[in-house]
Amino acid sequence: MGDRWHVEVDRSVCIGSAQCVHRAPAGFRLDTARQSHPVEPDIDAAEGVLAAAENCPVEAIMITLLDSGEAVFPPEE
């Protein structure tokens, strides 16, 4: 069985660029205030969701391993 992730968007940081929606349309939606949120916060690991987090211009997307809470993105330093 593959990794399961917990995906969060820091809405106080999100600028509504919609890059996440373009990179992972099944993973993210913009609400009426143009703020991003995950469609489902707990998901199977998905390259598109990771690409969305990596390409967010303000790094508003955080991904952690569901079982351990270990950071997937942004990586811990």
PDB file of N, CA and C in Angstrom:
ATOM      1  N   MET A   1       0.839  -1.179   0.000  1.00  0.00           N
ATOM      2  CA  MET A   1       0.000   0.000   0.000  1.00  0.00           C
ATOM      3  C   MET A   1       0.884   1.242   0.000  1.00  0.00           C
ATOM      4  N   GLY A   2       0.519   2.276  -0.772  1.00  0.00           N
ATOM      5  CA  GLY A   2       1.310   3.487  -0.879  1.00  0.00           C
ATOM      6  C   GLY A   2       1.047   4.452   0.264  1.00  0.00           C
ATOM      7  N   ASP A   3       1.812   5.519   0.257  1.00  0.00           N
ATOM      8  CA  ASP A   3       1.663   6.542   1.289  1.00  0.00           C
ATOM      9  C   ASP A   3       0.313   7.235   1.186  1.00  0.00           C
ATOM     10  N   ARG A   4      -0.182   7.674   2.340  1.00  0.00           N
ATOM     11  CA  ARG A   4      -1.369   8.527   2.412  1.00  0.00           C
ATOM     12  C   ARG A   4      -0.914   9.875   2.932  1.00  0.00           C
ATOM     13  N   TRP A   5      -1.455  10.919   2.355  1.00  0.00           N
ATOM     14  CA  TRP A   5      -1.064  12.280   2.703  1.00  0.00           C
ATOM     15  C   TRP A   5      -2.222  13.053   3.302  1.00  0.00           C
ATOM     16  N   HIS A   6      -1.864  14.029   4.135  1.00  0.00           N
ATOM     17  CA  HIS A   6      -2.808  15.038   4.605  1.00  0.00           C
ATOM     18  C   HIS A   6      -2.381  16.342   3.936  1.00  0.00           C
ATOM     19  N   VAL A   7      -3.316  17.001   3.252  1.00  0.00           N
ATOM     20  CA  VAL A   7      -3.029  18.211   2.489  1.00  0.00           C
ATOM     21  C   VAL A   7      -3.768  19.379   3.126  1.00  0.00           C
ATOM     22  N   GLU A   8      -3.035  20.467   3.358  1.00  0.00           N
ATOM     23  CA  GLU A   8      -3.621  21.681   3.910  1.00  0.00           C
ATOM     24  C   GLU A   8      -3.195  22.868   3.064  1.00  0.00           C
ATOM     25  N   VAL A   9      -4.039  23.894   3.044  1.00  0.00           N
ATOM     26  CA  VAL A   9      -3.697  25.160   2.404  1.00  0.00           C
ATOM     27  C   VAL A   9      -3.805  26.247   3.463  1.00  0.00           C
ATOM     28  N   ASP A  10      -2.738  27.012   3.639  1.00  0.00           N
ATOM     29  CA  ASP A  10      -2.757  28.148   4.558  1.00  0.00           C
ATOM     30  C   ASP A  10      -3.475  29.285   3.851  1.00  0.00           C
ATOM     31  N   ARG A  11      -4.734  29.460   4.183  1.00  0.00           N
ATOM     32  CA  ARG A  11      -5.558  30.440   3.494  1.00  0.00           C
ATOM     33  C   ARG A  11      -5.135  31.872   3.806  1.00  0.00           C
ATOM     34  N   SER A  12      -4.371  32.078   4.859  1.00  0.00           N
ATOM     35  CA  SER A  12      -3.874  33.429   5.144  1.00  0.00           C
ATOM     36  C   SER A  12      -2.706  33.790   4.237  1.00  0.00           C
ATOM     37  N   VAL A  13      -2.132  32.784   3.571  1.00  0.00           N
ATOM     38  CA  VAL A  13      -0.997  32.986   2.667  1.00  0.00           C
ATOM     39  C   VAL A  13      -1.427  32.895   1.202  1.00  0.00           C
ATOM     40  N   CYS A  14      -2.437  32.076   0.922  1.00  0.00           N
ATOM     41  CA  CYS A  14      -2.898  31.833  -0.454  1.00  0.00           C
ATOM     42  C   CYS A  14      -3.280  33.145  -1.142  1.00  0.00           C
ATOM     43  N   ILE A  15      -2.780  33.323  -2.365  1.00  0.00           N
ATOM     44  CA  ILE A  15      -3.097  34.532  -3.137  1.00  0.00           C
ATOM     45  C   ILE A  15      -4.078  34.242  -4.274  1.00  0.00           C
ATOM     46  N   GLY A  16      -4.553  33.021  -4.361  1.00  0.00           N
ATOM     47  CA  GLY A  16      -5.543  32.674  -5.371  1.00  0.00           C
ATOM     48  C   GLY A  16      -5.015  32.639  -6.789  1.00  0.00           C
ATOM     49  N   SER A  17      -3.761  32.267  -6.965  1.00  0.00           N
ATOM     50  CA  SER A  17      -3.177  32.217  -8.309  1.00  0.00           C
ATOM     51  C   SER A  17      -3.750  31.080  -9.144  1.00  0.00           C
ATOM     52  N   ALA A  18      -4.318  30.087  -8.495  1.00  0.00           N
ATOM     53  CA  ALA A  18      -4.916  28.905  -9.121  1.00  0.00           C
ATOM     54  C   ALA A  18      -3.894  27.982  -9.767  1.00  0.00           C
ATOM     55  N   GLN A  19      -2.622  28.132  -9.459  1.00  0.00           N
ATOM     56  CA  GLN A  19      -1.616  27.211  -9.986  1.00  0.00           C
ATOM     57  C   GLN A  19      -1.887  25.789  -9.507  1.00  0.00           C
ATOM     58  N   CYS A  20      -2.373  25.650  -8.282  1.00  0.00           N
ATOM     59  CA  CYS A  20      -2.680  24.316  -7.758  1.00  0.00           C
ATOM     60  C   CYS A  20      -3.812  23.672  -8.553  1.00  0.00           C
ATOM     61  N   VAL A  21      -4.814  24.449  -8.903  1.00  0.00           N
ATOM     62  CA  VAL A  21      -5.945  23.932  -9.671  1.00  0.00           C
ATOM     63  C   VAL A  21      -5.488  23.511 -11.064  1.00  0.00           C
ATOM     64  N   HIS A  22      -4.579  24.273 -11.650  1.00  0.00           N
ATOM     65  CA  HIS A  22      -4.066  23.918 -12.980  1.00  0.00           C
ATOM     66  C   HIS A  22      -3.214  22.658 -12.946  1.00  0.00           C
ATOM     67  N   ARG A  23      -2.427  22.473 -11.895  1.00  0.00           N
ATOM     68  CA  ARG A  23      -1.530  21.316 -11.812  1.00  0.00           C
ATOM     69  C   ARG A  23      -2.225  20.064 -11.288  1.00  0.00           C
ATOM     70  N   ALA A  24      -3.220  20.244 -10.446  1.00  0.00           N
ATOM     71  CA  ALA A  24      -3.941  19.101  -9.863  1.00  0.00           C
ATOM     72  C   ALA A  24      -5.427  19.441  -9.766  1.00  0.00           C
ATOM     73  N   PRO A  25      -6.120  19.488 -10.909  1.00  0.00           N
ATOM     74  CA  PRO A  25      -7.523  19.902 -10.891  1.00  0.00           C
ATOM     75  C   PRO A  25      -8.439  19.001 -10.064  1.00  0.00           C
ATOM     76  N   ALA A  26      -8.071  17.749  -9.900  1.00  0.00           N
ATOM     77  CA  ALA A  26      -8.888  16.860  -9.063  1.00  0.00           C
ATOM     78  C   ALA A  26      -8.564  17.037  -7.581  1.00  0.00           C
ATOM     79  N   GLY A  27      -7.473  17.737  -7.277  1.00  0.00           N
ATOM     80  CA  GLY A  27      -7.028  17.871  -5.892  1.00  0.00           C
ATOM     81  C   GLY A  27      -7.371  19.169  -5.211  1.00  0.00           C
ATOM     82  N   PHE A  28      -7.596  20.230  -5.994  1.00  0.00           N
ATOM     83  CA  PHE A  28      -7.816  21.550  -5.407  1.00  0.00           C
ATOM     84  C   PHE A  28      -8.974  22.270  -6.069  1.00  0.00           C
ATOM     85  N   ARG A  29      -9.601  23.143  -5.298  1.00  0.00           N
ATOM     86  CA  ARG A  29     -10.667  24.014  -5.791  1.00  0.00           C
ATOM     87  C   ARG A  29     -10.437  25.409  -5.220  1.00  0.00           C
ATOM     88  N   LEU A  30     -10.906  26.418  -5.945  1.00  0.00           N
ATOM     89  CA  LEU A  30     -10.936  27.771  -5.406  1.00  0.00           C
ATOM     90  C   LEU A  30     -12.363  28.055  -4.958  1.00  0.00           C
ATOM     91  N   ASP A  31     -12.497  28.695  -3.801  1.00  0.00           N
ATOM     92  CA  ASP A  31     -13.832  29.062  -3.343  1.00  0.00           C
ATOM     93  C   ASP A  31     -14.218  30.428  -3.921  1.00  0.00           C
ATOM     94  N   THR A  32     -15.328  30.960  -3.508  1.00  0.00           N
ATOM     95  CA  THR A  32     -15.806  32.232  -4.073  1.00  0.00           C
ATOM     96  C   THR A  32     -14.899  33.398  -3.740  1.00  0.00           C
ATOM     97  N   ALA A  33     -14.069  33.257  -2.708  1.00  0.00           N
ATOM     98  CA  ALA A  33     -13.102  34.298  -2.348  1.00  0.00           C
ATOM     99  C   ALA A  33     -11.758  34.074  -3.051  1.00  0.00           C
ATOM    100  N   ARG A  34     -11.719  33.123  -3.996  1.00  0.00           N
ATOM    101  CA  ARG A  34     -10.513  32.743  -4.736  1.00  0.00           C
ATOM    102  C   ARG A  34      -9.412  32.226  -3.802  1.00  0.00           C
ATOM    103  N   GLN A  35      -9.809  31.532  -2.761  1.00  0.00           N
ATOM    104  CA  GLN A  35      -8.873  30.882  -1.857  1.00  0.00           C
ATOM    105  C   GLN A  35      -8.895  29.390  -2.158  1.00  0.00           C
ATOM    106  N   SER A  36      -7.728  28.789  -2.192  1.00  0.00           N
ATOM    107  CA  SER A  36      -7.604  27.372  -2.503  1.00  0.00           C
ATOM    108  C   SER A  36      -7.938  26.519  -1.291  1.00  0.00           C
ATOM    109  N   HIS A  37      -8.438  25.332  -1.573  1.00  0.00           N
ATOM    110  CA  HIS A  37      -8.605  24.318  -0.544  1.00  0.00           C
ATOM    111  C   HIS A  37      -8.542  22.950  -1.215  1.00  0.00           C
ATOM    112  N   PRO A  38      -8.057  21.935  -0.474  1.00  0.00           N
ATOM    113  CA  PRO A  38      -8.025  20.595  -1.064  1.00  0.00           C
ATOM    114  C   PRO A  38      -9.441  20.055  -1.206  1.00  0.00           C
ATOM    115  N   VAL A  39      -9.686  19.329  -2.289  1.00  0.00           N
ATOM    116  CA  VAL A  39     -10.983  18.689  -2.476  1.00  0.00           C
ATOM    117  C   VAL A  39     -11.198  17.687  -1.349  1.00  0.00           C
ATOM    118  N   GLU A  40     -10.186  16.890  -1.063  1.00  0.00           N
ATOM    119  CA  GLU A  40     -10.181  15.948   0.058  1.00  0.00           C
ATOM    120  C   GLU A  40      -8.874  16.160   0.804  1.00  0.00           C
ATOM    121  N   PRO A  41      -8.907  16.419   2.108  1.00  0.00           N
ATOM    122  CA  PRO A  41      -7.656  16.671   2.822  1.00  0.00           C
ATOM    123  C   PRO A  41      -6.766  15.435   3.003  1.00  0.00           C
ATOM    124  N   ASP A  42      -7.363  14.251   3.038  1.00  0.00           N
ATOM    125  CA  ASP A  42      -6.593  13.016   3.215  1.00  0.00           C
ATOM    126  C   ASP A  42      -6.698  12.204   1.930  1.00  0.00           C
ATOM    127  N   ILE A  43      -5.537  12.016   1.274  1.00  0.00           N
ATOM    128  CA  ILE A  43      -5.520  11.390  -0.055  1.00  0.00           C
ATOM    129  C   ILE A  43      -4.389  10.379  -0.170  1.00  0.00           C
ATOM    130  N   ASP A  44      -4.466   9.543  -1.196  1.00  0.00           N
ATOM    131  CA  ASP A  44      -3.321   8.723  -1.580  1.00  0.00           C
ATOM    132  C   ASP A  44      -2.277   9.664  -2.190  1.00  0.00           C
ATOM    133  N   ALA A  45      -1.010   9.372  -1.970  1.00  0.00           N
ATOM    134  CA  ALA A  45       0.066  10.188  -2.532  1.00  0.00           C
ATOM    135  C   ALA A  45      -0.152  10.355  -4.032  1.00  0.00           C
ATOM    136  N   ALA A  46       0.019  11.581  -4.520  1.00  0.00           N
ATOM    137  CA  ALA A  46      -0.244  11.872  -5.929  1.00  0.00           C
ATOM    138  C   ALA A  46       0.765  12.900  -6.440  1.00  0.00           C
ATOM    139  N   GLU A  47       1.415  12.570  -7.550  1.00  0.00           N
ATOM    140  CA  GLU A  47       2.426  13.461  -8.118  1.00  0.00           C
ATOM    141  C   GLU A  47       1.865  14.840  -8.443  1.00  0.00           C
ATOM    142  N   GLY A  48       0.634  14.903  -8.951  1.00  0.00           N
ATOM    143  CA  GLY A  48       0.043  16.185  -9.299  1.00  0.00           C
ATOM    144  C   GLY A  48      -0.127  17.092  -8.099  1.00  0.00           C
ATOM    145  N   VAL A  49      -0.514  16.527  -6.969  1.00  0.00           N
ATOM    146  CA  VAL A  49      -0.683  17.322  -5.750  1.00  0.00           C
ATOM    147  C   VAL A  49       0.676  17.813  -5.259  1.00  0.00           C
ATOM    148  N   LEU A  50       1.692  16.968  -5.326  1.00  0.00           N
ATOM    149  CA  LEU A  50       3.034  17.393  -4.946  1.00  0.00           C
ATOM    150  C   LEU A  50       3.522  18.498  -5.883  1.00  0.00           C
ATOM    151  N   ALA A  51       3.296  18.357  -7.181  1.00  0.00           N
ATOM    152  CA  ALA A  51       3.684  19.394  -8.144  1.00  0.00           C
ATOM    153  C   ALA A  51       2.968  20.702  -7.845  1.00  0.00           C
ATOM    154  N   ALA A  52       1.697  20.625  -7.457  1.00  0.00           N
ATOM    155  CA  ALA A  52       0.950  21.831  -7.102  1.00  0.00           C
ATOM    156  C   ALA A  52       1.596  22.528  -5.911  1.00  0.00           C
ATOM    157  N   ALA A  53       1.966  21.759  -4.893  1.00  0.00           N
ATOM    158  CA  ALA A  53       2.610  22.345  -3.710  1.00  0.00           C
ATOM    159  C   ALA A  53       3.961  22.953  -4.070  1.00  0.00           C
ATOM    160  N   GLU A  54       4.739  22.233  -4.855  1.00  0.00           N
ATOM    161  CA  GLU A  54       6.071  22.716  -5.232  1.00  0.00           C
ATOM    162  C   GLU A  54       6.015  23.978  -6.086  1.00  0.00           C
ATOM    163  N   ASN A  55       4.927  24.161  -6.828  1.00  0.00           N
ATOM    164  CA  ASN A  55       4.823  25.295  -7.738  1.00  0.00           C
ATOM    165  C   ASN A  55       3.928  26.412  -7.227  1.00  0.00           C
ATOM    166  N   CYS A  56       3.417  26.292  -6.025  1.00  0.00           N
ATOM    167  CA  CYS A  56       2.630  27.373  -5.440  1.00  0.00           C
ATOM    168  C   CYS A  56       3.555  28.577  -5.263  1.00  0.00           C
ATOM    169  N   PRO A  57       3.195  29.735  -5.819  1.00  0.00           N
ATOM    170  CA  PRO A  57       4.107  30.881  -5.755  1.00  0.00           C
ATOM    171  C   PRO A  57       4.352  31.423  -4.352  1.00  0.00           C
ATOM    172  N   VAL A  58       3.495  31.082  -3.397  1.00  0.00           N
ATOM    173  CA  VAL A  58       3.689  31.571  -2.026  1.00  0.00           C
ATOM    174  C   VAL A  58       3.840  30.437  -1.012  1.00  0.00           C
ATOM    175  N   GLU A  59       4.032  29.202  -1.502  1.00  0.00           N
ATOM    176  CA  GLU A  59       4.193  28.008  -0.661  1.00  0.00           C
ATOM    177  C   GLU A  59       3.104  27.906   0.409  1.00  0.00           C
ATOM    178  N   ALA A  60       1.850  28.036  -0.033  1.00  0.00           N
ATOM    179  CA  ALA A  60       0.716  27.965   0.886  1.00  0.00           C
ATOM    180  C   ALA A  60       0.235  26.537   1.128  1.00  0.00           C
ATOM    181  N   ILE A  61       0.755  25.566   0.376  1.00  0.00           N
ATOM    182  CA  ILE A  61       0.286  24.180   0.474  1.00  0.00           C
ATOM    183  C   ILE A  61       1.272  23.357   1.292  1.00  0.00           C
ATOM    184  N   MET A  62       0.738  22.685   2.307  1.00  0.00           N
ATOM    185  CA  MET A  62       1.540  21.805   3.139  1.00  0.00           C
ATOM    186  C   MET A  62       1.031  20.382   2.979  1.00  0.00           C
ATOM    187  N   ILE A  63       1.969  19.446   2.841  1.00  0.00           N
ATOM    188  CA  ILE A  63       1.624  18.027   2.730  1.00  0.00           C
ATOM    189  C   ILE A  63       2.399  17.279   3.803  1.00  0.00           C
ATOM    190  N   THR A  64       1.695  16.451   4.559  1.00  0.00           N
ATOM    191  CA  THR A  64       2.335  15.617   5.563  1.00  0.00           C
ATOM    192  C   THR A  64       1.894  14.173   5.365  1.00  0.00           C
ATOM    193  N   LEU A  65       2.716  13.234   5.836  1.00  0.00           N
ATOM    194  CA  LEU A  65       2.326  11.827   5.831  1.00  0.00           C
ATOM    195  C   LEU A  65       1.204  11.654   6.838  1.00  0.00           C
ATOM    196  N   LEU A  66       0.136  11.026   6.427  1.00  0.00           N
ATOM    197  CA  LEU A  66      -1.042  10.894   7.265  1.00  0.00           C
ATOM    198  C   LEU A  66      -0.756  10.098   8.538  1.00  0.00           C
ATOM    199  N   ASP A  67       0.021   9.035   8.426  1.00  0.00           N
ATOM    200  CA  ASP A  67       0.236   8.180   9.600  1.00  0.00           C
ATOM    201  C   ASP A  67       1.234   8.743  10.604  1.00  0.00           C
ATOM    202  N   SER A  68       2.227   9.507  10.152  1.00  0.00           N
ATOM    203  CA  SER A  68       3.269   9.972  11.070  1.00  0.00           C
ATOM    204  C   SER A  68       3.316  11.490  11.254  1.00  0.00           C
ATOM    205  N   GLY A  69       2.687  12.236  10.355  1.00  0.00           N
ATOM    206  CA  GLY A  69       2.766  13.693  10.431  1.00  0.00           C
ATOM    207  C   GLY A  69       4.055  14.261   9.875  1.00  0.00           C
ATOM    208  N   GLU A  70       4.922  13.386   9.358  1.00  0.00           N
ATOM    209  CA  GLU A  70       6.199  13.826   8.790  1.00  0.00           C
ATOM    210  C   GLU A  70       5.946  14.690   7.560  1.00  0.00           C
ATOM    211  N   ALA A  71       6.726  15.771   7.434  1.00  0.00           N
ATOM    212  CA  ALA A  71       6.561  16.703   6.320  1.00  0.00           C
ATOM    213  C   ALA A  71       6.970  16.054   5.003  1.00  0.00           C
ATOM    214  N   VAL A  72       6.122  16.184   4.000  1.00  0.00           N
ATOM    215  CA  VAL A  72       6.446  15.823   2.618  1.00  0.00           C
ATOM    216  C   VAL A  72       6.836  17.093   1.887  1.00  0.00           C
ATOM    217  N   PHE A  73       6.006  18.153   2.040  1.00  0.00           N
ATOM    218  CA  PHE A  73       6.302  19.458   1.466  1.00  0.00           C
ATOM    219  C   PHE A  73       5.637  20.530   2.307  1.00  0.00           C
ATOM    220  N   PRO A  74       6.335  21.621   2.611  1.00  0.00           N
ATOM    221  CA  PRO A  74       7.748  21.795   2.327  1.00  0.00           C
ATOM    222  C   PRO A  74       8.583  20.875   3.203  1.00  0.00           C
ATOM    223  N   PRO A  75       9.714  20.449   2.688  1.00  0.00           N
ATOM    224  CA  PRO A  75      10.552  19.537   3.482  1.00  0.00           C
ATOM    225  C   PRO A  75      11.095  20.238   4.719  1.00  0.00           C
ATOM    226  N   GLU A  76      11.216  19.465   5.794  1.00  0.00           N
ATOM    227  CA  GLU A  76      11.820  20.022   6.997  1.00  0.00           C
ATOM    228  C   GLU A  76      13.306  20.232   6.746  1.00  0.00           C
ATOM    229  N   GLU A  77      13.811  21.280   7.289  1.00  0.00           N
ATOM    230  CA  GLU A  77      15.225  21.597   7.049  1.00  0.00           C
ATOM    231  C   GLU A  77      16.119  20.996   8.063  1.00  0.00           C
TER     232      GLU A  77
END
